[in-house]
Structures are given as C-alpha cells and as structure tokens.
Amino acid sequence: MLRVDKIRVHYEGIPALHEVTFEVNPGELVAIVGGNGAGKSTALKAIIGTVRPVSGRISFNGKDITREQTAKIVKLGVVYVPESRRIFGPLSVEENLLLGAFTSSSEDEAREHLTHVYRLFPRLKERLRQRGETLSGGEQQMLAIGRGLMIRPKLLMLDEPSLGLMPKLVTELFQTISLLKEEGYTILLVEQNVREALELADRGYVLQTGRTIHTGTGKELLESDIVKKAFLGL
C-alpha cells in the first residue's frame, strides 16, 4: 500500500532523514520507534506532503505522491493525526468531527461515519456539544483520532498519540488503537512508548538520528538487544 524508498529530508540544509526506506501493507499496523530527534515525525510529514524530500520516492497504492499536494494525498485516503492534535478549540466536539468529513459524498454518509466514531469513542458522544478546548488531554486525543476517522481512511498515520497523557489514559489509547487494528484499519504509528507500540505492531522500524538502524516484526524488535538497551532499559 505505502512504499517509502530512500527518502532524504533536510531542514534548512540540515539532514533530518538519511535515505530512509519502509513500507506498510494493507491491514498492517507498522510502528516507527525511536528517541527524540530520530526523524519519526518527519517521515510522516513527508508522506502527507507538509515537508518535501530532497531525494527518494513515496508511493501510495502504486501512485507517486512524493511531490503531491497534501489535500490530494488526503483524498487518496491518507490521514495524518499530528502530535499536537490541532483540534479547533472554540468548536464543539461534533463540529470538529464533521470538519473531518469533507470528502464525504453526502450528509447521510457523514452521519454514518459520525455514528462509527461515537461507537469507538462513547465519551465523545457524551460531550458532543462541548467545546473542544474544554476537553481533557485524553479526550482531545480521542477527538483528533475521531476526526481523522471521519473519511474512513485507507491509511491512518498516528504521530505520538500518547504524548502528554496520564498512564491510565495511555492504556486506554492503546486499547483503542488495538480495536482499530481489529476492525481492519491500516495504521502507521509513530511512538516513544516503544514497548506498547511494538507489542501491537505487526512490523516495526527503529530510527536513530534520521537513519533506520533495525527492522523486524514487533516481537523480534522487542527481543532485540538494540531495542532492549536503547529504549527498554534492559
């Protein structure tokens, strides 16, 4: 489905990614893990088109999207839920969600997607008239993911979804991601919570200073010396 082939990304001339290659197949949950500054978020931004690789190629379902505009990439079915959530604070929960339905062909289809999101996140339904800025951090993350789901994406990219959440909410979040995987969503997950991400992942890639240093199944990476020493404190 997604193929990222030897992309290099620079920020003001400073290398952020060095010929990074990875792929995501339909129905997979693929995790990209690593420490701060590893280039994880940059990889997602390159896919969605908010940063441009200086070389390499990105393809989605056989179509070259390396230089494509973000809006067109989204219409192809790629959704990016950013690290900062970026909900519209003054708008209600439901208004935020409906803004994510801009590719729906009709109001009925948008309402159908809304029902699906409320089933996944009952707490959002309880707060559908509440302003986004008054939600807790965990609820705002639910809202950000829910808004992304409103177009029924072919590829859902989650950027550090657990960042800033209390441990209990982190557990709930990963349970929700597991449910999305069971429902058949294809997910590309960037996470600093390495153990939780790799326990869910079919496959994973470890980035360090913009380079891929290890790859394998989630289980293989959890058992690897590199991951144990660098990220699990073992």
Protein backbone atom coordinates (compact mmCIF):
# COMPACT_ATOMS: atom_id res chain seq x y z
CA MET A 1 0.00 0.00 0.00
CA LEU A 2 2.64 2.53 1.10
CA ARG A 3 6.24 2.47 -0.04
CA VAL A 4 8.82 4.98 1.19
CA ASP A 5 12.02 4.49 -0.76
CA LYS A 6 15.32 6.06 0.27
CA ILE A 7 13.92 9.47 1.17
CA ARG A 8 16.19 12.23 2.36
CA VAL A 9 14.73 15.27 4.12
CA HIS A 10 16.57 18.44 5.12
CA TYR A 11 15.51 21.32 7.36
CA GLU A 12 17.30 24.49 6.23
CA GLY A 13 20.10 22.38 4.83
CA ILE A 14 20.46 20.19 7.92
CA PRO A 15 19.75 16.48 7.24
CA ALA A 16 16.78 15.06 9.15
CA LEU A 17 16.31 11.77 7.27
CA HIS A 18 19.06 9.82 5.52
CA GLU A 19 17.72 7.54 2.77
CA VAL A 20 15.01 6.04 4.98
CA THR A 21 13.05 3.14 3.49
CA PHE A 22 9.97 1.38 4.83
CA GLU A 23 6.63 0.00 3.70
CA VAL A 24 3.13 -0.64 5.01
CA ASN A 25 0.92 -3.40 3.63
CA PRO A 26 -2.90 -3.42 3.75
CA GLY A 27 -4.27 -4.31 7.19
CA GLU A 28 -0.92 -3.96 8.95
CA LEU A 29 -0.02 -1.92 11.98
CA VAL A 30 3.53 -0.74 11.43
CA ALA A 31 5.36 1.12 14.19
CA ILE A 32 8.21 3.58 13.78
CA VAL A 33 10.00 3.98 17.09
CA GLY A 34 13.00 5.90 18.34
CA GLY A 35 14.05 8.71 20.62
CA ASN A 36 13.57 12.45 20.31
CA GLY A 37 15.08 13.82 17.11
CA ALA A 38 15.19 10.43 15.41
CA GLY A 39 13.15 11.68 12.44
CA LYS A 40 9.95 9.74 13.16
CA SER A 41 7.53 12.65 12.76
CA THR A 42 9.46 13.98 9.78
CA ALA A 43 8.81 10.69 7.98
CA LEU A 44 5.05 11.09 8.45
CA LYS A 45 5.15 14.73 7.37
CA ALA A 46 6.99 13.73 4.21
CA ILE A 47 4.27 11.18 3.41
CA ILE A 48 1.41 13.66 3.92
CA GLY A 49 3.25 16.36 1.96
CA THR A 50 3.93 19.03 4.57
CA VAL A 51 7.69 18.61 4.10
CA ARG A 52 9.37 17.70 0.82
CA PRO A 53 12.09 15.07 0.42
CA VAL A 54 15.19 16.29 -1.40
CA SER A 55 15.51 12.82 -2.92
CA GLY A 56 13.80 9.44 -2.86
CA ARG A 57 10.27 8.36 -3.69
CA ILE A 58 6.98 7.87 -1.83
CA SER A 59 4.18 5.85 -3.43
CA PHE A 60 0.68 5.03 -2.23
CA ASN A 61 -1.26 2.24 -3.93
CA GLY A 62 1.13 2.48 -6.87
CA LYS A 63 0.79 6.27 -7.29
CA ASP A 64 3.83 8.51 -6.83
CA ILE A 65 2.88 11.07 -4.16
CA THR A 66 6.38 12.42 -3.47
CA ARG A 67 5.52 15.89 -4.81
CA GLU A 68 1.74 15.73 -4.46
CA GLN A 69 -0.25 18.38 -2.58
CA THR A 70 -1.48 17.46 0.89
CA ALA A 71 -5.17 17.88 0.03
CA LYS A 72 -4.85 15.42 -2.86
CA ILE A 73 -2.99 12.92 -0.67
CA VAL A 74 -5.81 13.07 1.87
CA LYS A 75 -8.38 12.48 -0.87
CA LEU A 76 -6.47 9.33 -1.79
CA GLY A 77 -7.26 8.06 1.71
CA VAL A 78 -4.18 9.00 3.76
CA VAL A 79 -4.91 10.67 7.10
CA TYR A 80 -2.34 12.21 9.44
CA VAL A 81 -3.21 12.79 13.10
CA PRO A 82 -0.46 15.17 14.28
CA GLU A 83 1.40 15.11 17.55
CA SER A 84 -0.12 18.43 18.66
CA ARG A 85 -3.72 17.23 17.93
CA ARG A 86 -4.70 20.60 16.42
CA ILE A 87 -8.37 20.48 17.22
CA PHE A 88 -10.49 23.62 16.84
CA GLY A 89 -10.90 24.72 20.45
CA PRO A 90 -13.92 27.05 20.14
CA LEU A 91 -15.90 24.47 18.13
CA SER A 92 -17.94 21.68 19.66
CA VAL A 93 -16.89 18.04 19.57
CA GLU A 94 -19.40 17.30 16.82
CA GLU A 95 -18.41 20.34 14.78
CA ASN A 96 -14.76 19.24 14.96
CA LEU A 97 -15.69 15.76 13.80
CA LEU A 98 -17.85 16.96 10.91
CA LEU A 99 -14.97 19.10 9.66
CA GLY A 100 -13.13 15.83 9.09
CA ALA A 101 -15.88 14.60 6.76
CA PHE A 102 -15.05 16.95 3.89
CA THR A 103 -14.55 14.05 1.47
CA SER A 104 -17.97 12.52 2.24
CA SER A 105 -20.29 12.40 -0.76
CA SER A 106 -23.41 13.26 1.25
CA GLU A 107 -24.66 14.35 4.64
CA ASP A 108 -26.01 10.85 5.22
CA GLU A 109 -22.55 9.38 4.65
CA ALA A 110 -21.01 11.90 7.05
CA ARG A 111 -23.61 10.98 9.71
CA GLU A 112 -22.86 7.31 9.18
CA HIS A 113 -19.16 7.96 9.80
CA LEU A 114 -20.06 10.05 12.84
CA THR A 115 -22.03 7.13 14.30
CA HIS A 116 -18.98 4.91 13.78
CA VAL A 117 -16.72 7.36 15.64
CA TYR A 118 -19.19 7.64 18.54
CA ARG A 119 -19.26 3.86 18.79
CA LEU A 120 -15.47 3.80 19.06
CA PHE A 121 -15.35 6.76 21.45
CA PRO A 122 -18.54 6.83 23.57
CA ARG A 123 -17.05 9.62 25.66
CA LEU A 124 -17.13 11.92 22.65
CA LYS A 125 -20.83 11.26 22.17
CA GLU A 126 -21.40 12.24 25.80
CA ARG A 127 -19.66 15.56 25.08
CA LEU A 128 -20.84 16.23 21.53
CA ARG A 129 -21.94 19.81 22.34
CA GLN A 130 -18.91 20.61 24.49
CA ARG A 131 -16.20 22.91 23.15
CA GLY A 132 -13.02 21.10 22.16
CA GLU A 133 -10.82 23.37 24.28
CA THR A 134 -12.62 22.28 27.46
CA LEU A 135 -11.87 18.56 26.97
CA SER A 136 -9.16 16.73 28.89
CA GLY A 137 -5.93 15.82 27.11
CA GLY A 138 -7.10 12.25 26.61
CA GLU A 139 -10.46 13.37 25.25
CA GLN A 140 -8.77 15.80 22.86
CA GLN A 141 -6.64 12.94 21.54
CA MET A 142 -9.79 10.85 21.03
CA LEU A 143 -11.29 13.80 19.15
CA ALA A 144 -8.22 14.18 16.93
CA ILE A 145 -8.25 10.49 16.03
CA GLY A 146 -12.02 10.52 15.59
CA ARG A 147 -11.80 13.45 13.19
CA GLY A 148 -9.22 11.51 11.18
CA LEU A 149 -11.55 8.51 11.01
CA MET A 150 -14.37 10.59 9.54
CA ILE A 151 -13.16 9.92 6.00
CA ARG A 152 -12.71 6.18 6.66
CA PRO A 153 -9.00 6.37 5.75
CA LYS A 154 -7.16 3.70 3.82
CA LEU A 155 -4.04 4.59 5.84
CA LEU A 156 -4.23 6.15 9.30
CA MET A 157 -0.99 7.77 10.49
CA LEU A 158 -0.78 8.49 14.21
CA ASP A 159 2.03 10.76 15.41
CA GLU A 160 2.92 10.29 19.11
CA PRO A 161 -0.73 9.78 20.19
CA SER A 162 0.20 9.01 23.82
CA LEU A 163 2.32 12.13 24.30
CA GLY A 164 1.39 14.00 27.48
CA LEU A 165 -1.26 11.53 28.62
CA MET A 166 -1.54 10.02 32.08
CA PRO A 167 -0.60 6.30 32.29
CA LYS A 168 -4.23 5.21 32.64
CA LEU A 169 -5.19 7.15 29.50
CA VAL A 170 -2.19 5.73 27.64
CA THR A 171 -3.52 2.24 28.34
CA GLU A 172 -6.98 3.23 27.10
CA LEU A 173 -5.47 4.79 23.98
CA PHE A 174 -3.56 1.67 23.01
CA GLN A 175 -6.69 -0.40 23.60
CA THR A 176 -8.46 1.84 21.09
CA ILE A 177 -5.62 1.52 18.57
CA SER A 178 -5.82 -2.27 19.00
CA LEU A 179 -9.55 -2.10 18.28
CA LEU A 180 -8.92 -0.07 15.13
CA LYS A 181 -6.45 -2.72 14.01
CA GLU A 182 -9.03 -5.46 14.65
CA GLU A 183 -11.54 -3.51 12.53
CA GLY A 184 -9.14 -3.74 9.61
CA TYR A 185 -7.61 -0.27 9.56
CA THR A 186 -4.10 0.03 8.14
CA ILE A 187 -2.08 2.04 10.66
CA LEU A 188 1.34 3.68 10.66
CA LEU A 189 2.16 4.52 14.27
CA VAL A 190 4.97 6.79 15.49
CA GLU A 191 5.56 6.37 19.21
CA GLN A 192 8.07 6.98 22.01
CA ASN A 193 6.30 4.36 24.14
CA VAL A 194 8.34 1.66 22.45
CA ARG A 195 7.10 -1.39 24.32
CA GLU A 196 3.41 -0.58 23.89
CA ALA A 197 3.85 0.23 20.20
CA LEU A 198 5.83 -2.89 19.36
CA GLU A 199 3.50 -5.16 21.31
CA LEU A 200 0.73 -4.04 18.94
CA ALA A 201 2.79 -3.86 15.75
CA ASP A 202 2.94 -6.45 13.02
CA ARG A 203 6.27 -4.94 11.99
CA GLY A 204 8.45 -2.09 13.14
CA TYR A 205 11.33 0.16 12.19
CA VAL A 206 13.80 1.71 14.63
CA LEU A 207 15.09 5.16 13.69
CA GLN A 208 18.10 6.86 15.21
CA THR A 209 19.37 10.28 14.09
CA GLY A 210 17.46 10.01 10.84
CA ARG A 211 18.61 6.52 9.90
CA THR A 212 16.93 3.12 10.06
CA ILE A 213 19.08 1.04 12.39
CA HIS A 214 16.87 -2.02 12.81
CA THR A 215 13.71 -3.59 11.44
CA GLY A 216 11.65 -6.71 12.09
CA THR A 217 8.37 -7.95 13.48
CA GLY A 218 7.13 -6.30 16.65
CA LYS A 219 8.12 -9.39 18.65
CA GLU A 220 11.57 -9.57 17.07
CA LEU A 221 12.29 -5.94 17.88
CA LEU A 222 11.13 -6.31 21.49
CA GLU A 223 13.56 -9.18 21.88
CA SER A 224 16.47 -7.45 20.12
CA ASP A 225 19.44 -6.20 22.10
CA ILE A 226 19.34 -2.83 20.33
CA VAL A 227 15.79 -2.07 21.50
CA LYS A 228 16.31 -3.52 24.97
CA LYS A 229 19.40 -1.42 25.63
CA ALA A 230 18.34 1.80 23.92
CA PHE A 231 14.65 2.04 24.80
CA LEU A 232 13.60 -0.52 27.41
CA GLY A 233 16.36 0.00 29.95
CA LEU A 234 17.32 -3.69 29.96
